[in-house]
Amino acid sequence: MISWLRKRAEVKWTRRTTWTPLLLNQRQLQRVLAKERLRADREESCFGLIILRVVDLRNVRGTSLKLAKLLHRRLRETDEKGHLNYGRIGVVLPATGEVGTQLVLADILRLAAEAKLPIEGEAFVYPERPRRFDDKSNDSSMDDTVEVLSDQTASDSFQPQPSDSIKVAALPTAMLVSAYPTWKRLVDILGASFGLLISLPFILLAAAIIRLTSPGPAFFAQRRIGYLGRPFWIFKLRTMIANAELLQEELLERNERDGPAFKMRHDPRITRVGRILRSTGLDELPQLFNVFIGDMSLVGPRPLPVSEAEQCEPWQRARMHTKPGLTCFWQLAKSRKMSFVEWMRLDMRYARARNLWLDLKLIVNTFTAVVLGRVGH
């Protein structure tokens, strides 16, 4: 408990710190990273990010102030610098590739060594190397790069890195996303718990009817792409025949939606009970369990299947900066006949504007729409 409170205090401290006027605070630097990534995706260019760590955390304030002055003299006017987290300073280098980022870091480390500043540095470049969503490799190595530096002080034998040892890594997407809001997770847990308690009898009744009227399991699980591109299993009440996914290729010519998503108004694979469940939105109720365990949120962009998510353009993947949800702007749109691009833009609009009041408003509007029968597939 004490360590958790300390970490929260450190994050709050870096967001509000004003004792280094030459450095952006954490929120400002996150905005810079988000805008730079959008620019890089739109223009198909790149940018570099340097992360500098203060080795001796006993003197973070003094070292950061001296380092800020050093960076102010060294960097271009178009470069940005600011607090990433406790004891970490980020430097954003627009339109800079691997070689340029490596040279800038080597120069900063050289100047820091001359000034006897105990810092270490890492260099990254965006965009990251292409990686398929169904890659089963462990992502923990990427996540570890955004962990707060441990509260261990360095030994007196600190030595700066030689320039020939500097490696430039691909910038993980996780570094470009701010921390997931605590309030949102709290709303999800409370809402999912209450929703499961109320809807459990309906889920069990619907499951029994599905088993009695159609051969196959009552529930349907599918691999979807979620937060930061991580795959997860989504759960639904089965509304189609048991081998529906195998028959989709035969129906591709009748797809009524543009882009990678598949949609048919009169899909022959849907069962009679399934049409009722879809028209009322009851088939989505098992996803409250996905919300409860943290794979999804009550409010957020709908998660796409793996095959469809892989076909999205790079700029469209910014919708993954927030957890997928049960409802969002698209679900409440007056017409869902909009193009796939418009759908993605609505999702990204939510990812940028996400706040507690907006979530509560969308939850209430969705509940009202369900009661009035305006929400379906």
Protein backbone atom coordinates (compact mmCIF):
# COMPACT_ATOMS: atom_id res chain seq x y z
CA MET A 1 0.00 0.00 0.00
CA ILE A 2 2.81 2.40 0.87
CA SER A 3 4.64 1.68 -2.40
CA TRP A 4 1.43 2.26 -4.38
CA LEU A 5 0.83 5.61 -2.69
CA ARG A 6 4.42 6.59 -3.35
CA LYS A 7 4.14 5.80 -7.05
CA ARG A 8 0.91 7.78 -7.30
CA ALA A 9 2.60 10.72 -5.58
CA GLU A 10 5.52 10.51 -8.00
CA VAL A 11 3.23 10.57 -11.04
CA LYS A 12 1.23 13.48 -9.61
CA TRP A 13 4.49 15.29 -8.81
CA THR A 14 5.83 15.00 -12.37
CA ARG A 15 2.52 16.20 -13.83
CA ARG A 16 2.43 19.37 -11.73
CA THR A 17 6.10 20.14 -11.38
CA THR A 18 7.02 23.72 -12.23
CA TRP A 19 10.56 23.91 -10.93
CA THR A 20 12.06 23.19 -14.37
CA PRO A 21 10.57 25.86 -16.67
CA LEU A 22 12.60 24.57 -19.63
CA LEU A 23 10.82 21.19 -19.50
CA LEU A 24 7.24 20.30 -20.39
CA ASN A 25 5.25 18.49 -17.72
CA GLN A 26 4.10 14.91 -18.22
CA ARG A 27 0.70 15.74 -19.72
CA GLN A 28 2.17 18.27 -22.15
CA LEU A 29 4.82 15.82 -23.36
CA GLN A 30 2.19 13.10 -23.85
CA ARG A 31 0.24 15.50 -26.08
CA VAL A 32 3.38 16.22 -28.09
CA LEU A 33 4.00 12.47 -28.57
CA ALA A 34 0.41 11.87 -29.64
CA LYS A 35 0.50 14.71 -32.20
CA GLU A 36 3.89 13.63 -33.50
CA ARG A 37 2.67 10.09 -34.00
CA LEU A 38 -0.41 11.30 -35.92
CA ARG A 39 1.81 13.47 -38.10
CA ALA A 40 4.19 10.57 -38.76
CA ASP A 41 1.30 8.26 -39.70
CA ARG A 42 -0.31 10.88 -41.94
CA GLU A 43 2.89 11.88 -43.75
CA GLU A 44 4.50 8.39 -43.64
CA SER A 45 7.55 9.88 -41.95
CA CYS A 46 9.31 9.13 -38.67
CA PHE A 47 10.50 10.73 -35.44
CA GLY A 48 12.95 9.91 -32.70
CA LEU A 49 12.48 9.70 -28.95
CA ILE A 50 15.32 9.83 -26.44
CA ILE A 51 14.70 8.79 -22.84
CA LEU A 52 17.18 10.08 -20.27
CA ARG A 53 17.21 8.52 -16.79
CA VAL A 54 18.57 10.25 -13.71
CA VAL A 55 20.72 7.53 -12.13
CA ASP A 56 20.93 9.00 -8.63
CA LEU A 57 17.34 9.53 -7.51
CA ARG A 58 18.51 11.26 -4.34
CA ASN A 59 19.18 14.38 -6.42
CA VAL A 60 16.51 14.25 -9.12
CA ARG A 61 15.66 17.93 -8.86
CA GLY A 62 19.20 19.26 -9.18
CA THR A 63 20.22 16.87 -11.96
CA SER A 64 17.02 17.51 -13.94
CA LEU A 65 17.51 21.26 -13.75
CA LYS A 66 21.09 21.05 -15.02
CA LEU A 67 20.07 18.55 -17.71
CA ALA A 68 17.22 20.85 -18.84
CA LYS A 69 19.70 23.70 -19.36
CA LEU A 70 22.06 21.40 -21.25
CA LEU A 71 19.25 20.21 -23.55
CA HIS A 72 18.08 23.77 -24.14
CA ARG A 73 21.51 24.66 -25.49
CA ARG A 74 21.92 21.46 -27.52
CA LEU A 75 18.54 20.81 -29.17
CA ARG A 76 16.84 22.41 -32.17
CA GLU A 77 13.93 24.81 -31.71
CA THR A 78 11.58 22.21 -33.20
CA ASP A 79 12.61 19.54 -30.67
CA GLU A 80 10.58 19.09 -27.48
CA LYS A 81 11.71 17.97 -24.05
CA GLY A 82 9.83 17.21 -20.86
CA HIS A 83 9.09 14.85 -17.96
CA LEU A 84 8.08 11.33 -18.91
CA ASN A 85 7.87 10.12 -15.33
CA TYR A 86 9.75 10.26 -12.04
CA GLY A 87 13.45 10.61 -12.83
CA ARG A 88 12.92 10.29 -16.60
CA ILE A 89 13.11 13.02 -19.23
CA GLY A 90 11.96 12.54 -22.82
CA VAL A 91 13.29 14.32 -25.89
CA VAL A 92 11.15 14.27 -29.06
CA LEU A 93 13.03 14.72 -32.34
CA PRO A 94 10.60 15.40 -35.24
CA ALA A 95 11.53 14.09 -38.70
CA THR A 96 14.58 12.30 -37.29
CA GLY A 97 15.52 8.74 -38.19
CA GLU A 98 17.65 6.08 -36.55
CA VAL A 99 21.06 7.57 -37.35
CA GLY A 100 20.10 11.11 -36.34
CA THR A 101 18.57 9.96 -33.05
CA GLN A 102 21.68 7.93 -32.27
CA LEU A 103 23.97 10.90 -32.91
CA VAL A 104 21.90 13.27 -30.76
CA LEU A 105 21.89 10.81 -27.84
CA ALA A 106 25.65 10.28 -28.14
CA ASP A 107 26.20 14.04 -28.06
CA ILE A 108 23.91 14.50 -25.04
CA LEU A 109 25.70 11.74 -23.12
CA ARG A 110 29.06 13.29 -23.98
CA LEU A 111 28.00 16.72 -22.74
CA ALA A 112 26.43 15.20 -19.63
CA ALA A 113 29.66 13.34 -18.84
CA GLU A 114 31.64 16.58 -19.19
CA ALA A 115 29.20 18.23 -16.77
CA LYS A 116 29.41 15.19 -14.45
CA LEU A 117 25.69 14.54 -14.66
CA PRO A 118 24.84 10.91 -13.74
CA ILE A 119 22.35 10.00 -16.49
CA GLU A 120 21.70 7.07 -18.81
CA GLY A 121 19.94 7.18 -22.14
CA GLU A 122 17.94 5.09 -24.60
CA ALA A 123 17.04 5.89 -28.20
CA PHE A 124 13.85 4.93 -30.03
CA VAL A 125 12.42 5.64 -33.46
CA TYR A 126 8.83 5.55 -34.71
CA PRO A 127 7.25 3.83 -36.60
CA GLU A 128 8.07 0.52 -34.97
CA ARG A 129 8.83 -2.57 -37.00
CA PRO A 130 5.72 -4.21 -38.48
CA ARG A 131 4.28 -6.92 -36.26
CA ARG A 132 1.22 -9.05 -36.90
CA PHE A 133 -1.52 -8.96 -34.30
CA ASP A 134 -1.60 -12.74 -34.03
CA ASP A 135 2.10 -12.84 -33.13
CA LYS A 136 2.30 -15.05 -30.05
CA SER A 137 5.53 -13.53 -28.82
CA ASN A 138 5.54 -12.12 -25.31
CA ASP A 139 5.01 -8.35 -25.19
CA SER A 140 6.35 -7.99 -21.66
CA SER A 141 9.71 -6.77 -22.93
CA MET A 142 7.97 -3.82 -24.57
CA ASP A 143 5.88 -3.07 -21.52
CA ASP A 144 8.95 -3.13 -19.29
CA THR A 145 10.35 -0.12 -21.11
CA VAL A 146 7.61 2.12 -19.74
CA GLU A 147 7.88 1.05 -16.12
CA VAL A 148 8.90 3.68 -13.59
CA LEU A 149 12.59 3.50 -12.75
CA SER A 150 13.13 1.59 -9.51
CA ASP A 151 14.07 3.55 -6.41
CA GLN A 152 17.61 2.20 -6.30
CA THR A 153 20.52 4.61 -6.21
CA ALA A 154 23.50 4.14 -8.43
CA SER A 155 26.95 3.17 -7.30
CA ASP A 156 29.82 5.65 -7.24
CA SER A 157 31.37 3.91 -10.23
CA PHE A 158 28.88 5.40 -12.71
CA GLN A 159 30.26 5.53 -16.24
CA PRO A 160 28.52 7.17 -19.24
CA GLN A 161 27.68 5.01 -22.25
CA PRO A 162 30.19 5.09 -25.12
CA SER A 163 28.67 6.27 -28.38
CA ASP A 164 29.46 3.02 -30.23
CA SER A 165 27.29 1.07 -27.75
CA ILE A 166 24.12 3.09 -28.40
CA LYS A 167 21.38 1.04 -30.02
CA VAL A 168 18.21 2.50 -31.50
CA ALA A 169 15.09 0.40 -30.87
CA ALA A 170 11.61 0.60 -32.39
CA LEU A 171 9.35 2.81 -30.29
CA PRO A 172 6.65 0.65 -28.65
CA THR A 173 3.09 1.93 -28.98
CA ALA A 174 2.70 1.69 -25.20
CA MET A 175 5.08 4.65 -24.82
CA LEU A 176 2.74 6.85 -26.82
CA VAL A 177 -0.29 6.25 -24.62
CA SER A 178 -0.96 7.91 -21.28
CA ALA A 179 -1.73 5.78 -18.23
CA TYR A 180 -5.17 4.17 -18.20
CA PRO A 181 -7.46 6.32 -16.00
CA THR A 182 -8.21 4.91 -12.55
CA TRP A 183 -11.72 6.35 -12.63
CA LYS A 184 -12.52 4.44 -15.83
CA ARG A 185 -11.45 1.10 -14.39
CA LEU A 186 -13.47 1.80 -11.23
CA VAL A 187 -16.59 2.59 -13.29
CA ASP A 188 -16.04 -0.60 -15.30
CA ILE A 189 -15.77 -2.82 -12.22
CA LEU A 190 -18.83 -1.32 -10.52
CA GLY A 191 -20.88 -1.26 -13.72
CA ALA A 192 -19.93 -4.79 -14.81
CA SER A 193 -20.58 -6.23 -11.35
CA PHE A 194 -24.02 -4.64 -11.17
CA GLY A 195 -24.78 -5.58 -14.79
CA LEU A 196 -23.81 -9.24 -14.31
CA LEU A 197 -25.87 -9.48 -11.14
CA ILE A 198 -28.98 -8.11 -12.87
CA SER A 199 -28.55 -9.83 -16.25
CA LEU A 200 -27.43 -13.29 -15.11
CA PRO A 201 -30.98 -14.77 -15.14
CA PHE A 202 -31.57 -13.43 -18.67
CA ILE A 203 -28.22 -14.79 -19.87
CA LEU A 204 -28.98 -18.26 -18.48
CA LEU A 205 -32.50 -18.25 -19.94
CA ALA A 206 -31.25 -17.16 -23.35
CA ALA A 207 -28.48 -19.79 -23.24
CA ALA A 208 -31.04 -22.52 -22.53
CA ILE A 209 -33.27 -21.38 -25.42
CA ILE A 210 -30.26 -21.32 -27.79
CA ARG A 211 -29.32 -24.90 -26.87
CA LEU A 212 -32.91 -26.10 -27.36
CA THR A 213 -33.45 -24.40 -30.73
CA SER A 214 -30.07 -24.76 -32.45
CA PRO A 215 -27.33 -27.40 -32.34
CA GLY A 216 -24.06 -26.17 -30.88
CA PRO A 217 -22.84 -24.30 -27.78
CA ALA A 218 -24.86 -21.52 -26.17
CA PHE A 219 -21.90 -19.13 -26.03
CA PHE A 220 -19.60 -17.92 -28.77
CA ALA A 221 -15.96 -16.92 -28.24
CA GLN A 222 -13.88 -15.07 -30.83
CA ARG A 223 -10.37 -13.66 -30.92
CA ARG A 224 -10.49 -9.85 -31.08
CA ILE A 225 -7.92 -7.04 -30.94
CA GLY A 226 -8.03 -4.86 -27.85
CA TYR A 227 -6.06 -2.26 -25.93
CA LEU A 228 -2.72 -1.39 -27.58
CA GLY A 229 -3.25 -4.14 -30.15
CA ARG A 230 -3.34 -6.98 -27.63
CA PRO A 231 -5.55 -9.94 -28.63
CA PHE A 232 -8.20 -11.32 -26.27
CA TRP A 233 -11.21 -13.64 -26.34
CA ILE A 234 -14.59 -11.90 -26.52
CA PHE A 235 -17.72 -13.71 -25.27
CA LYS A 236 -21.23 -13.49 -26.72
CA LEU A 237 -24.45 -15.46 -26.78
CA ARG A 238 -24.39 -17.46 -30.01
CA THR A 239 -26.72 -15.94 -32.61
CA MET A 240 -25.51 -17.84 -35.68
CA ILE A 241 -25.23 -21.46 -36.70
CA ALA A 242 -22.31 -23.35 -35.18
CA ASN A 243 -19.99 -23.19 -38.24
CA ALA A 244 -20.77 -19.57 -39.17
CA GLU A 245 -17.14 -18.40 -39.34
CA LEU A 246 -16.25 -21.11 -41.85
CA LEU A 247 -19.03 -19.93 -44.18
CA GLN A 248 -18.07 -16.24 -44.13
CA GLU A 249 -15.68 -16.53 -47.09
CA GLU A 250 -18.56 -17.77 -49.24
CA LEU A 251 -20.54 -14.61 -48.37
CA LEU A 252 -17.81 -12.01 -48.92
CA GLU A 253 -19.32 -10.97 -52.26
CA ARG A 254 -22.52 -9.99 -50.43
CA ASN A 255 -20.73 -7.82 -47.84
CA GLU A 256 -22.68 -4.57 -47.39
CA ARG A 257 -19.91 -2.63 -45.63
CA ASP A 258 -16.84 -1.03 -47.17
CA GLY A 259 -13.39 -1.55 -45.68
CA PRO A 260 -12.26 -4.70 -43.86
CA ALA A 261 -15.38 -5.11 -41.70
CA PHE A 262 -18.06 -7.66 -42.71
CA LYS A 263 -21.77 -6.87 -42.42
CA MET A 264 -24.93 -8.33 -43.95
CA ARG A 265 -28.39 -7.10 -43.05
CA HIS A 266 -30.01 -10.44 -43.91
CA ASP A 267 -27.22 -12.82 -43.01
CA PRO A 268 -28.45 -16.41 -43.66
CA ARG A 269 -26.24 -17.73 -40.85
CA ILE A 270 -28.28 -15.99 -38.13
CA THR A 271 -30.79 -18.21 -36.31
CA ARG A 272 -34.36 -17.18 -35.48
CA VAL A 273 -33.54 -16.77 -31.79
CA GLY A 274 -30.33 -15.00 -32.79
CA ARG A 275 -32.26 -12.30 -34.66
CA ILE A 276 -34.24 -11.50 -31.53
CA LEU A 277 -31.11 -11.38 -29.40
CA ARG A 278 -29.34 -9.12 -31.87
CA SER A 279 -32.27 -6.74 -32.28
CA THR A 280 -32.40 -6.23 -28.50
CA GLY A 281 -28.63 -6.28 -27.94
CA LEU A 282 -28.98 -9.11 -25.39
CA ASP A 283 -26.34 -11.20 -27.18
CA GLU A 284 -23.71 -8.73 -25.92
CA LEU A 285 -24.48 -9.26 -22.21
CA PRO A 286 -21.72 -11.91 -21.63
CA GLN A 287 -19.19 -9.21 -22.54
CA LEU A 288 -19.81 -7.75 -19.09
CA PHE A 289 -17.47 -10.53 -17.98
CA ASN A 290 -14.84 -9.19 -20.41
CA VAL A 291 -15.31 -5.78 -18.79
CA PHE A 292 -15.03 -7.20 -15.28
CA ILE A 293 -11.71 -8.98 -15.97
CA GLY A 294 -10.26 -5.90 -17.70
CA ASP A 295 -10.16 -6.92 -21.38
CA MET A 296 -12.88 -4.41 -22.23
CA SER A 297 -14.56 -1.30 -20.89
CA LEU A 298 -18.21 -0.29 -20.66
CA VAL A 299 -17.52 2.54 -23.10
CA GLY A 300 -15.02 2.33 -25.94
CA PRO A 301 -14.59 1.42 -29.61
CA ARG A 302 -15.95 -1.96 -30.63
CA PRO A 303 -13.10 -4.52 -30.93
CA LEU A 304 -12.47 -5.86 -34.42
CA PRO A 305 -11.67 -9.50 -35.22
CA VAL A 306 -7.98 -10.21 -35.81
CA SER A 307 -8.33 -10.55 -39.60
CA GLU A 308 -10.16 -7.20 -39.89
CA ALA A 309 -7.87 -5.31 -37.49
CA GLU A 310 -4.82 -6.34 -39.53
CA GLN A 311 -6.28 -4.58 -42.57
CA CYS A 312 -6.71 -1.23 -40.81
CA GLU A 313 -4.55 1.68 -41.91
CA PRO A 314 -1.85 2.83 -39.44
CA TRP A 315 -3.76 6.03 -38.57
CA GLN A 316 -6.88 4.01 -37.79
CA ARG A 317 -5.06 2.01 -35.11
CA ALA A 318 -5.04 5.07 -32.84
CA ARG A 319 -8.49 3.83 -31.72
CA MET A 320 -6.63 1.12 -29.81
CA HIS A 321 -5.24 3.73 -27.41
CA THR A 322 -8.26 3.06 -25.24
CA LYS A 323 -9.85 -0.24 -24.25
CA PRO A 324 -12.60 -1.58 -26.51
CA GLY A 325 -16.07 -1.24 -25.10
CA LEU A 326 -19.70 -2.31 -25.22
CA THR A 327 -20.88 1.03 -26.58
CA CYS A 328 -19.49 4.20 -28.13
CA PHE A 329 -20.44 6.95 -30.58
CA TRP A 330 -20.95 4.53 -33.47
CA GLN A 331 -23.46 2.37 -31.56
CA LEU A 332 -25.59 5.46 -30.84
CA ALA A 333 -25.30 7.00 -34.31
CA LYS A 334 -28.65 7.64 -36.00
CA SER A 335 -27.47 5.66 -39.00
CA ARG A 336 -24.87 2.90 -39.07
CA LYS A 337 -24.68 3.03 -42.86
CA MET A 338 -21.68 5.35 -42.56
CA SER A 339 -18.42 4.34 -44.21
CA PHE A 340 -15.74 2.38 -42.40
CA VAL A 341 -13.51 5.47 -42.37
CA GLU A 342 -16.24 7.53 -40.68
CA TRP A 343 -16.70 4.76 -38.13
CA MET A 344 -12.97 4.78 -37.33
CA ARG A 345 -12.98 8.57 -36.99
CA LEU A 346 -15.81 8.38 -34.46
CA ASP A 347 -13.79 5.87 -32.43
CA MET A 348 -10.70 8.08 -32.49
CA ARG A 349 -12.83 11.06 -31.51
CA TYR A 350 -13.80 9.17 -28.35
CA ALA A 351 -10.20 8.10 -27.68
CA ARG A 352 -9.17 11.78 -27.67
CA ALA A 353 -12.17 13.17 -25.75
CA ARG A 354 -12.54 10.38 -23.16
CA ASN A 355 -13.63 11.61 -19.72
CA LEU A 356 -15.89 10.55 -16.86
CA TRP A 357 -18.83 12.77 -17.81
CA LEU A 358 -18.74 11.54 -21.43
CA ASP A 359 -18.68 7.89 -20.34
CA LEU A 360 -21.63 8.34 -18.00
CA LYS A 361 -23.57 10.17 -20.71
CA LEU A 362 -22.95 7.39 -23.27
CA ILE A 363 -23.92 4.69 -20.75
CA VAL A 364 -27.24 6.43 -19.98
CA ASN A 365 -27.96 7.05 -23.67
CA THR A 366 -27.21 3.42 -24.51
CA PHE A 367 -29.48 2.12 -21.75
CA THR A 368 -32.26 4.41 -23.00
CA ALA A 369 -31.75 3.24 -26.57
CA VAL A 370 -31.91 -0.42 -25.52
CA VAL A 371 -35.15 0.15 -23.62
CA LEU A 372 -36.66 1.94 -26.61
CA GLY A 373 -35.41 -0.75 -28.99
CA ARG A 374 -33.06 1.48 -30.97
CA VAL A 375 -29.89 -0.56 -30.43
CA GLY A 376 -29.16 -3.67 -32.40
CA HIS A 377 -26.71 -5.00 -34.97
